[in-house]
Protein backbone atom coordinates (compact mmCIF):
# COMPACT_ATOMS: atom_id res chain seq x y z
CA UNK A 1 -9.53 6.38 35.46
CA UNK A 2 -9.50 10.02 34.49
CA UNK A 3 -12.34 12.28 35.56
CA UNK A 4 -14.98 12.25 32.82
CA UNK A 5 -14.92 16.05 32.67
CA UNK A 6 -11.22 16.28 31.94
CA UNK A 7 -10.46 17.08 28.29
CA UNK A 8 -8.71 14.56 26.08
CA UNK A 9 -6.04 16.14 23.90
CA UNK A 10 -6.00 14.47 20.52
CA UNK A 11 -2.59 13.01 19.82
CA UNK A 12 -3.44 11.82 16.33
CA UNK A 13 -1.78 13.72 13.51
CA UNK A 14 -4.28 15.35 11.18
CA UNK A 15 -4.49 14.28 7.55
CA UNK A 16 -3.64 17.88 6.62
CA UNK A 17 -0.40 17.68 8.60
CA UNK A 18 0.47 14.37 6.96
CA UNK A 19 -0.19 15.72 3.48
CA UNK A 20 1.83 18.86 4.10
CA UNK A 21 4.68 16.73 5.38
CA UNK A 22 4.62 14.56 2.27
CA UNK A 23 5.56 17.60 0.21
CA UNK A 24 8.92 17.74 2.00
CA UNK A 25 11.44 15.54 0.13
CA UNK A 26 12.71 12.52 2.04
CA UNK A 27 10.53 13.18 5.08
CA UNK A 28 10.79 9.63 6.38
CA UNK A 29 8.98 10.36 9.64
CA UNK A 30 5.87 11.61 7.85
CA UNK A 31 6.01 8.82 5.28
CA UNK A 32 6.19 6.22 8.07
CA UNK A 33 3.21 7.85 9.81
CA UNK A 34 1.26 7.91 6.54
CA UNK A 35 1.99 4.23 5.89
CA UNK A 36 1.23 3.23 9.48
CA UNK A 37 -2.17 4.91 9.29
CA UNK A 38 -3.46 3.80 5.91
CA UNK A 39 -1.61 0.61 4.96
CA UNK A 40 -3.41 -1.78 7.38
CA UNK A 41 -6.84 -0.73 6.16
CA UNK A 42 -5.85 -1.10 2.51
CA UNK A 43 -4.42 -4.56 3.24
CA UNK A 44 -7.65 -5.56 4.97
CA UNK A 45 -9.65 -4.12 2.07
CA UNK A 46 -7.61 -6.11 -0.45
CA UNK A 47 -8.17 -9.33 1.47
CA UNK A 48 -11.91 -8.69 1.59
CA UNK A 49 -11.80 -8.26 -2.19
CA UNK A 50 -10.18 -11.66 -2.63
CA UNK A 51 -6.43 -11.08 -2.50
CA UNK A 52 -4.11 -13.28 -0.50
CA UNK A 53 -2.11 -11.71 2.32
CA UNK A 54 1.06 -11.16 0.29
CA UNK A 55 -0.72 -9.65 -2.71
CA UNK A 56 -2.84 -7.47 -0.42
CA UNK A 57 0.30 -6.13 1.28
CA UNK A 58 1.99 -5.47 -2.06
CA UNK A 59 -1.11 -3.78 -3.47
CA UNK A 60 -1.38 -1.57 -0.39
CA UNK A 61 2.25 -0.51 -0.66
CA UNK A 62 1.89 0.28 -4.35
CA UNK A 63 -1.31 2.24 -3.69
CA UNK A 64 0.40 4.43 -1.09
CA UNK A 65 3.41 5.02 -3.33
CA UNK A 66 1.11 5.90 -6.25
CA UNK A 67 -0.84 8.33 -4.10
CA UNK A 68 2.30 9.96 -2.75
CA UNK A 69 3.73 10.37 -6.27
CA UNK A 70 0.50 11.88 -7.57
CA UNK A 71 0.25 14.18 -4.57
CA UNK A 72 3.80 15.52 -4.79
CA UNK A 73 3.22 16.14 -8.50
CA UNK A 74 0.24 18.31 -7.62
CA UNK A 75 -2.40 15.97 -9.02
CA UNK A 76 -4.31 15.83 -5.76
CA UNK A 77 -6.03 18.94 -4.46
CA UNK A 78 -8.03 18.86 -1.22
CA UNK A 79 -10.70 21.13 -2.64
CA UNK A 80 -11.35 18.60 -5.44
CA UNK A 81 -12.25 15.77 -3.09
CA UNK A 82 -11.54 14.21 0.26
CA UNK A 83 -8.44 12.12 0.87
CA UNK A 84 -10.74 9.21 1.62
CA UNK A 85 -12.15 9.35 -1.92
CA UNK A 86 -8.83 9.78 -3.68
CA UNK A 87 -7.19 6.98 -1.75
CA UNK A 88 -10.17 4.72 -2.47
CA UNK A 89 -9.77 5.20 -6.22
CA UNK A 90 -6.06 4.43 -6.14
CA UNK A 91 -6.41 1.46 -3.78
CA UNK A 92 -9.21 -0.01 -5.88
CA UNK A 93 -7.15 0.20 -9.08
CA UNK A 94 -4.13 -1.44 -7.48
CA UNK A 95 -6.18 -4.23 -5.93
CA UNK A 96 -8.00 -4.96 -9.19
CA UNK A 97 -4.63 -5.10 -10.97
CA UNK A 98 -3.40 -7.69 -8.49
CA UNK A 99 -6.63 -9.65 -8.86
CA UNK A 100 -6.09 -9.76 -12.63
CA UNK A 101 -2.52 -10.93 -12.15
CA UNK A 102 -3.73 -13.60 -9.76
CA UNK A 103 -6.27 -14.85 -12.29
CA UNK A 104 -3.56 -15.07 -14.95
CA UNK A 105 -1.40 -17.15 -12.59
CA UNK A 106 -4.33 -19.46 -11.83
CA UNK A 107 -5.00 -20.01 -15.52
CA UNK A 108 -1.34 -20.73 -16.26
CA UNK A 109 -1.11 -23.25 -13.45
CA UNK A 110 -4.33 -24.94 -14.53
CA UNK A 111 -3.22 -24.86 -18.18
CA UNK A 112 -6.82 -24.09 -19.07
CA UNK A 113 -7.69 -23.24 -22.70
CA UNK A 114 -10.15 -20.59 -21.60
CA UNK A 115 -10.07 -18.11 -18.76
CA UNK A 116 -13.07 -17.49 -16.51
CA UNK A 117 -14.15 -13.92 -17.01
CA UNK A 118 -12.43 -11.81 -14.36
CA UNK A 119 -15.42 -9.50 -14.07
CA UNK A 120 -17.72 -12.42 -13.20
CA UNK A 121 -15.84 -12.63 -9.90
CA UNK A 122 -15.40 -8.93 -9.28
CA UNK A 123 -17.65 -7.12 -6.77
CA UNK A 124 -19.64 -4.29 -8.31
CA UNK A 125 -18.58 -0.69 -7.71
CA UNK A 126 -21.21 -0.07 -5.04
CA UNK A 127 -20.09 -3.11 -3.06
CA UNK A 128 -16.44 -2.10 -3.38
CA UNK A 129 -17.23 1.37 -2.08
CA UNK A 130 -19.28 -0.05 0.77
CA UNK A 131 -16.40 -2.29 1.85
CA UNK A 132 -14.01 0.66 1.66
CA UNK A 133 -16.30 2.76 3.85
CA UNK A 134 -16.45 -0.08 6.38
CA UNK A 135 -12.67 -0.41 6.49
CA UNK A 136 -12.25 3.35 6.83
CA UNK A 137 -14.68 3.53 9.73
CA UNK A 138 -13.06 0.53 11.42
CA UNK A 139 -9.68 2.26 11.17
CA UNK A 140 -11.09 5.46 12.65
CA UNK A 141 -12.69 3.51 15.49
CA UNK A 142 -9.38 1.78 16.23
CA UNK A 143 -7.69 5.16 16.44
CA UNK A 144 -10.44 6.37 18.77
CA UNK A 145 -9.65 3.43 21.03
CA UNK A 146 -6.00 4.44 21.06
CA UNK A 147 -7.01 7.91 22.19
CA UNK A 148 -9.43 6.54 24.78
CA UNK A 149 -6.65 4.47 26.34
CA UNK A 150 -5.13 7.74 27.54
CA UNK A 151 -8.24 8.39 29.64
CA UNK A 152 -8.86 5.02 31.27
CA UNK A 153 -6.86 2.59 33.37
CA UNK A 154 -5.61 -0.67 31.89
CA UNK A 155 -8.11 -2.86 33.76
CA UNK A 156 -11.10 -0.87 32.51
CA UNK A 157 -9.81 -1.09 28.94
CA UNK A 158 -9.25 -4.84 29.22
CA UNK A 159 -12.74 -5.28 30.64
CA UNK A 160 -14.13 -3.32 27.70
CA UNK A 161 -12.17 -5.36 25.15
CA UNK A 162 -13.25 -8.69 26.63
CA UNK A 163 -16.88 -7.72 27.19
CA UNK A 164 -17.66 -5.47 24.23
CA UNK A 165 -15.34 -6.89 21.55
CA UNK A 166 -14.74 -10.53 22.42
CA UNK A 167 -18.22 -11.14 23.80
CA UNK A 168 -17.27 -12.57 27.16
CA UNK A 169 -20.14 -12.61 29.69
CA UNK A 170 -19.82 -9.85 32.29
CA UNK A 171 -19.51 -12.39 35.09
CA UNK A 172 -16.60 -14.13 33.35
CA UNK A 173 -14.82 -10.81 32.74
CA UNK A 174 -15.38 -9.81 36.36
CA UNK A 175 -13.94 -13.09 37.64
CA UNK A 176 -10.98 -12.91 35.25
CA UNK A 177 -10.10 -9.34 36.24
CA UNK A 178 -11.14 -9.59 39.88
CA UNK A 179 -13.76 -6.87 39.67
CA UNK A 180 -17.54 -6.79 40.00
CA UNK A 181 -19.93 -7.35 37.13
CA UNK A 182 -21.31 -3.89 37.78
CA UNK A 183 -17.82 -2.44 37.33
CA UNK A 184 -17.59 -4.21 33.95
CA UNK A 185 -20.87 -2.62 32.80
CA UNK A 186 -19.76 0.79 34.05
CA UNK A 187 -16.43 0.51 32.22
CA UNK A 188 -18.22 -0.37 28.98
CA UNK A 189 -20.68 2.50 29.37
CA UNK A 190 -18.02 5.12 30.08
CA UNK A 191 -15.67 3.97 27.35
CA UNK A 192 -18.45 3.77 24.75
CA UNK A 193 -19.56 7.27 25.74
CA UNK A 194 -16.02 8.58 25.27
CA UNK A 195 -15.70 6.88 21.89
CA UNK A 196 -18.94 8.49 20.72
CA UNK A 197 -17.60 11.87 21.82
CA UNK A 198 -14.29 11.39 20.01
CA UNK A 199 -15.58 9.81 16.81
CA UNK A 200 -16.73 13.02 15.04
CA UNK A 201 -13.40 14.70 15.86
CA UNK A 202 -11.42 11.70 14.66
CA UNK A 203 -13.40 11.46 11.42
CA UNK A 204 -12.69 15.13 10.79
CA UNK A 205 -8.91 14.89 11.20
CA UNK A 206 -8.49 11.44 9.65
């Protein structure tokens, strides 16, 4: 494990760098990085709002394309709002469109004379924003973990994952990884401390 006083150099590309890169026509590398960063969280968000996996993936792709088109046309300005807010608005619209389409398909299959009101099943705006904030924070935390992996050995990271994320008892983790229970607690403490240090930086560049 790295010395706790050694600096960690952030490898994550800033949102500013991504946005600047999107202005360059046919910049496939930047587009792939943009999709890799934001698509999983939009997919997860869509599923939490009731979409199936396929529709959630399609809605996420359409949301990213819509954002990129609006951005390259100059419709998005950083000083007018954070990327997080703009992307939320676009993702929400795309997901609600797919939900409406899904309801139409359900009604056609059921051959029902009357359609259940779509808005009876739609979360309110506050709930939708809350879910978005949760997905955004989860994505940032996942990226923090990727950065933290550069600072700790593989066994410490596995101990952390099993103990902190999967809820294994410390004794079980210790036996599985052939380490002491105390070492498991120490790994968790050090990794959590590093995550707390990185989180404000990651939120700033995300």
